[in-house]
Amino acid sequence: MSQTDKTRTTVDIYGRSYTIVGTERAHHVRMVSSLVDQKMREIHDANKSLDTTKLAVLTAVNTMNDYLKLKDEYAELLGSIKQKED
């Protein structure tokens, strides 16, 4: 992948500005960043004493937990579909 295939998108997450460089469209990067910001604020509302580093780690842990649950649900649905097709 060449440097010209990448886009730079500046986003705001939890009051800080970040420039994300990658191949995803700017709209997608902004949507993902908005969800991260929303999750960080949600966790902060429940745990106001957390510093930013702990808040970021808890956000990552929560997000990966949600991802793994969805991945398992997806695999179960695919299995169900396959059984019905057989």
N, C-alpha and C. Protein backbone atom coordinates (compact mmCIF):
# COMPACT_ATOMS: atom_id res chain seq x y z
N MET A 1 0.85 -1.18 0.00
CA MET A 1 0.00 0.00 0.00
C MET A 1 0.89 1.24 0.00
N SER A 2 0.63 2.14 -0.87
CA SER A 2 1.45 3.34 -0.96
C SER A 2 0.90 4.44 -0.07
N GLN A 3 1.72 5.41 0.19
CA GLN A 3 1.32 6.55 1.02
C GLN A 3 0.13 7.28 0.41
N THR A 4 -0.01 7.26 -0.91
CA THR A 4 -1.12 7.96 -1.55
C THR A 4 -2.46 7.27 -1.32
N ASP A 5 -2.45 6.00 -0.92
CA ASP A 5 -3.70 5.28 -0.65
C ASP A 5 -4.28 5.65 0.72
N LYS A 6 -3.51 6.35 1.52
CA LYS A 6 -3.93 6.65 2.88
C LYS A 6 -4.55 8.04 2.97
N THR A 7 -5.49 8.16 3.91
CA THR A 7 -6.10 9.47 4.17
C THR A 7 -5.77 9.87 5.60
N ARG A 8 -5.78 11.16 5.84
CA ARG A 8 -5.55 11.72 7.17
C ARG A 8 -6.85 12.35 7.63
N THR A 9 -7.33 11.93 8.79
CA THR A 9 -8.57 12.46 9.32
C THR A 9 -8.32 12.92 10.74
N THR A 10 -8.64 14.16 11.03
CA THR A 10 -8.48 14.68 12.38
C THR A 10 -9.81 14.54 13.12
N VAL A 11 -9.73 13.95 14.30
CA VAL A 11 -10.93 13.70 15.10
C VAL A 11 -10.69 14.19 16.52
N ASP A 12 -11.77 14.35 17.26
CA ASP A 12 -11.71 14.72 18.67
C ASP A 12 -12.25 13.57 19.50
N ILE A 13 -11.43 13.07 20.41
CA ILE A 13 -11.85 11.99 21.31
C ILE A 13 -11.54 12.43 22.73
N TYR A 14 -12.59 12.54 23.51
CA TYR A 14 -12.48 12.89 24.92
C TYR A 14 -11.65 14.17 25.13
N GLY A 15 -11.96 15.16 24.29
CA GLY A 15 -11.35 16.46 24.44
C GLY A 15 -9.95 16.61 23.87
N ARG A 16 -9.46 15.58 23.18
CA ARG A 16 -8.14 15.65 22.57
C ARG A 16 -8.26 15.43 21.07
N SER A 17 -7.41 16.11 20.34
CA SER A 17 -7.41 15.99 18.89
C SER A 17 -6.40 14.93 18.46
N TYR A 18 -6.82 14.07 17.53
CA TYR A 18 -5.97 13.01 16.99
C TYR A 18 -6.06 13.04 15.47
N THR A 19 -4.94 12.80 14.82
CA THR A 19 -4.95 12.64 13.38
C THR A 19 -4.78 11.15 13.10
N ILE A 20 -5.78 10.57 12.47
CA ILE A 20 -5.80 9.15 12.15
C ILE A 20 -5.38 9.00 10.69
N VAL A 21 -4.38 8.19 10.45
CA VAL A 21 -3.90 7.94 9.09
C VAL A 21 -4.22 6.50 8.75
N GLY A 22 -4.92 6.29 7.64
CA GLY A 22 -5.26 4.93 7.24
C GLY A 22 -6.00 4.90 5.92
N THR A 23 -6.47 3.73 5.59
CA THR A 23 -7.14 3.55 4.30
C THR A 23 -8.65 3.68 4.38
N GLU A 24 -9.19 3.80 5.57
CA GLU A 24 -10.64 3.95 5.72
C GLU A 24 -11.07 5.35 5.31
N ARG A 25 -12.30 5.45 4.86
CA ARG A 25 -12.85 6.75 4.50
C ARG A 25 -13.00 7.63 5.74
N ALA A 26 -12.91 8.93 5.55
CA ALA A 26 -12.98 9.89 6.65
C ALA A 26 -14.28 9.73 7.45
N HIS A 27 -15.39 9.49 6.75
CA HIS A 27 -16.67 9.32 7.43
C HIS A 27 -16.61 8.14 8.41
N HIS A 28 -16.02 7.05 7.98
CA HIS A 28 -15.90 5.86 8.83
C HIS A 28 -15.02 6.15 10.05
N VAL A 29 -13.91 6.81 9.83
CA VAL A 29 -12.99 7.15 10.93
C VAL A 29 -13.70 8.05 11.94
N ARG A 30 -14.45 9.02 11.44
CA ARG A 30 -15.19 9.92 12.34
C ARG A 30 -16.25 9.16 13.14
N MET A 31 -16.93 8.22 12.49
CA MET A 31 -17.95 7.43 13.18
C MET A 31 -17.32 6.58 14.28
N VAL A 32 -16.23 5.90 13.97
CA VAL A 32 -15.54 5.08 14.97
C VAL A 32 -15.05 5.95 16.12
N SER A 33 -14.47 7.08 15.79
CA SER A 33 -13.96 7.99 16.82
C SER A 33 -15.08 8.50 17.71
N SER A 34 -16.21 8.78 17.12
CA SER A 34 -17.37 9.24 17.89
C SER A 34 -17.84 8.17 18.86
N LEU A 35 -17.83 6.91 18.42
CA LEU A 35 -18.23 5.81 19.30
C LEU A 35 -17.24 5.63 20.44
N VAL A 36 -15.96 5.78 20.16
CA VAL A 36 -14.93 5.69 21.22
C VAL A 36 -15.14 6.82 22.22
N ASP A 37 -15.35 8.03 21.73
CA ASP A 37 -15.60 9.18 22.59
C ASP A 37 -16.83 8.94 23.47
N GLN A 38 -17.89 8.44 22.85
CA GLN A 38 -19.14 8.17 23.58
C GLN A 38 -18.90 7.13 24.68
N LYS A 39 -18.17 6.05 24.38
CA LYS A 39 -17.91 5.00 25.36
C LYS A 39 -17.05 5.54 26.50
N MET A 40 -16.05 6.35 26.17
CA MET A 40 -15.20 6.93 27.22
C MET A 40 -16.02 7.81 28.16
N ARG A 41 -16.91 8.61 27.59
CA ARG A 41 -17.74 9.48 28.41
C ARG A 41 -18.72 8.68 29.27
N GLU A 42 -19.24 7.60 28.70
CA GLU A 42 -20.16 6.72 29.44
C GLU A 42 -19.43 6.09 30.64
N ILE A 43 -18.23 5.59 30.42
CA ILE A 43 -17.46 4.98 31.51
C ILE A 43 -17.06 6.03 32.53
N HIS A 44 -16.68 7.23 32.06
CA HIS A 44 -16.32 8.31 32.98
C HIS A 44 -17.51 8.70 33.86
N ASP A 45 -18.69 8.74 33.28
CA ASP A 45 -19.89 9.08 34.06
C ASP A 45 -20.11 8.10 35.20
N ALA A 46 -19.74 6.83 34.99
CA ALA A 46 -19.92 5.81 36.02
C ALA A 46 -18.73 5.75 36.98
N ASN A 47 -17.57 6.27 36.57
CA ASN A 47 -16.34 6.20 37.37
C ASN A 47 -15.58 7.51 37.26
N LYS A 48 -16.07 8.54 37.90
CA LYS A 48 -15.52 9.89 37.72
C LYS A 48 -14.08 10.04 38.21
N SER A 49 -13.59 9.12 39.03
CA SER A 49 -12.23 9.26 39.57
C SER A 49 -11.15 8.69 38.66
N LEU A 50 -11.52 8.07 37.55
CA LEU A 50 -10.53 7.46 36.65
C LEU A 50 -9.73 8.52 35.91
N ASP A 51 -8.40 8.30 35.83
CA ASP A 51 -7.60 9.18 34.99
C ASP A 51 -7.76 8.75 33.54
N THR A 52 -7.25 9.55 32.63
CA THR A 52 -7.46 9.30 31.20
C THR A 52 -6.89 7.96 30.75
N THR A 53 -5.73 7.59 31.27
CA THR A 53 -5.12 6.32 30.87
C THR A 53 -5.98 5.14 31.29
N LYS A 54 -6.44 5.12 32.53
CA LYS A 54 -7.30 4.03 33.00
C LYS A 54 -8.62 4.02 32.24
N LEU A 55 -9.13 5.21 31.97
CA LEU A 55 -10.37 5.34 31.21
C LEU A 55 -10.20 4.76 29.81
N ALA A 56 -9.07 5.05 29.17
CA ALA A 56 -8.81 4.52 27.82
C ALA A 56 -8.68 3.00 27.84
N VAL A 57 -8.00 2.46 28.86
CA VAL A 57 -7.85 1.00 28.95
C VAL A 57 -9.20 0.35 29.19
N LEU A 58 -10.00 0.89 30.08
CA LEU A 58 -11.34 0.32 30.32
C LEU A 58 -12.21 0.42 29.06
N THR A 59 -12.07 1.48 28.32
CA THR A 59 -12.81 1.62 27.07
C THR A 59 -12.38 0.53 26.09
N ALA A 60 -11.08 0.30 25.99
CA ALA A 60 -10.58 -0.75 25.09
C ALA A 60 -11.07 -2.13 25.54
N VAL A 61 -11.03 -2.40 26.84
CA VAL A 61 -11.49 -3.70 27.36
C VAL A 61 -12.98 -3.88 27.08
N ASN A 62 -13.77 -2.85 27.35
CA ASN A 62 -15.21 -2.93 27.09
C ASN A 62 -15.50 -3.14 25.61
N THR A 63 -14.78 -2.43 24.77
CA THR A 63 -14.99 -2.54 23.33
C THR A 63 -14.62 -3.93 22.82
N MET A 64 -13.50 -4.48 23.28
CA MET A 64 -13.11 -5.83 22.86
C MET A 64 -14.10 -6.87 23.38
N ASN A 65 -14.62 -6.67 24.58
CA ASN A 65 -15.63 -7.57 25.12
C ASN A 65 -16.87 -7.56 24.22
N ASP A 66 -17.32 -6.37 23.84
CA ASP A 66 -18.48 -6.26 22.94
C ASP A 66 -18.18 -6.93 21.60
N TYR A 67 -16.98 -6.72 21.08
CA TYR A 67 -16.58 -7.32 19.81
C TYR A 67 -16.60 -8.85 19.88
N LEU A 68 -16.03 -9.40 20.93
CA LEU A 68 -15.98 -10.86 21.06
C LEU A 68 -17.38 -11.46 21.22
N LYS A 69 -18.25 -10.78 21.95
CA LYS A 69 -19.64 -11.24 22.07
C LYS A 69 -20.32 -11.26 20.70
N LEU A 70 -20.16 -10.17 19.95
CA LEU A 70 -20.76 -10.11 18.61
C LEU A 70 -20.18 -11.16 17.68
N LYS A 71 -18.89 -11.39 17.78
CA LYS A 71 -18.23 -12.41 16.96
C LYS A 71 -18.80 -13.80 17.26
N ASP A 72 -19.00 -14.10 18.55
CA ASP A 72 -19.60 -15.37 18.95
C ASP A 72 -21.03 -15.49 18.45
N GLU A 73 -21.81 -14.41 18.59
CA GLU A 73 -23.19 -14.42 18.12
C GLU A 73 -23.25 -14.63 16.62
N TYR A 74 -22.35 -14.01 15.90
CA TYR A 74 -22.27 -14.16 14.45
C TYR A 74 -21.97 -15.61 14.07
N ALA A 75 -21.01 -16.20 14.77
CA ALA A 75 -20.66 -17.61 14.50
C ALA A 75 -21.85 -18.52 14.78
N GLU A 76 -22.59 -18.26 15.85
CA GLU A 76 -23.78 -19.05 16.17
C GLU A 76 -24.84 -18.90 15.08
N LEU A 77 -25.05 -17.67 14.62
CA LEU A 77 -26.03 -17.44 13.56
C LEU A 77 -25.63 -18.16 12.27
N LEU A 78 -24.35 -18.09 11.93
CA LEU A 78 -23.89 -18.82 10.74
C LEU A 78 -24.11 -20.32 10.89
N GLY A 79 -23.85 -20.84 12.09
CA GLY A 79 -24.09 -22.25 12.35
C GLY A 79 -25.55 -22.62 12.21
N SER A 80 -26.43 -21.77 12.72
CA SER A 80 -27.88 -21.98 12.60
C SER A 80 -28.32 -21.98 11.15
N ILE A 81 -27.83 -21.04 10.39
CA ILE A 81 -28.17 -20.96 8.97
C ILE A 81 -27.69 -22.22 8.25
N LYS A 82 -26.48 -22.63 8.54
CA LYS A 82 -25.91 -23.82 7.88
C LYS A 82 -26.73 -25.07 8.21
N GLN A 83 -27.16 -25.20 9.48
CA GLN A 83 -27.99 -26.34 9.88
C GLN A 83 -29.32 -26.36 9.13
N LYS A 84 -29.94 -25.19 8.98
CA LYS A 84 -31.23 -25.10 8.30
C LYS A 84 -31.09 -25.39 6.81
N GLU A 85 -29.91 -25.07 6.25
CA GLU A 85 -29.70 -25.33 4.83
C GLU A 85 -29.42 -26.81 4.57
N ASP A 86 -28.89 -27.52 5.56
CA ASP A 86 -28.55 -28.95 5.40
C ASP A 86 -29.75 -29.85 5.52
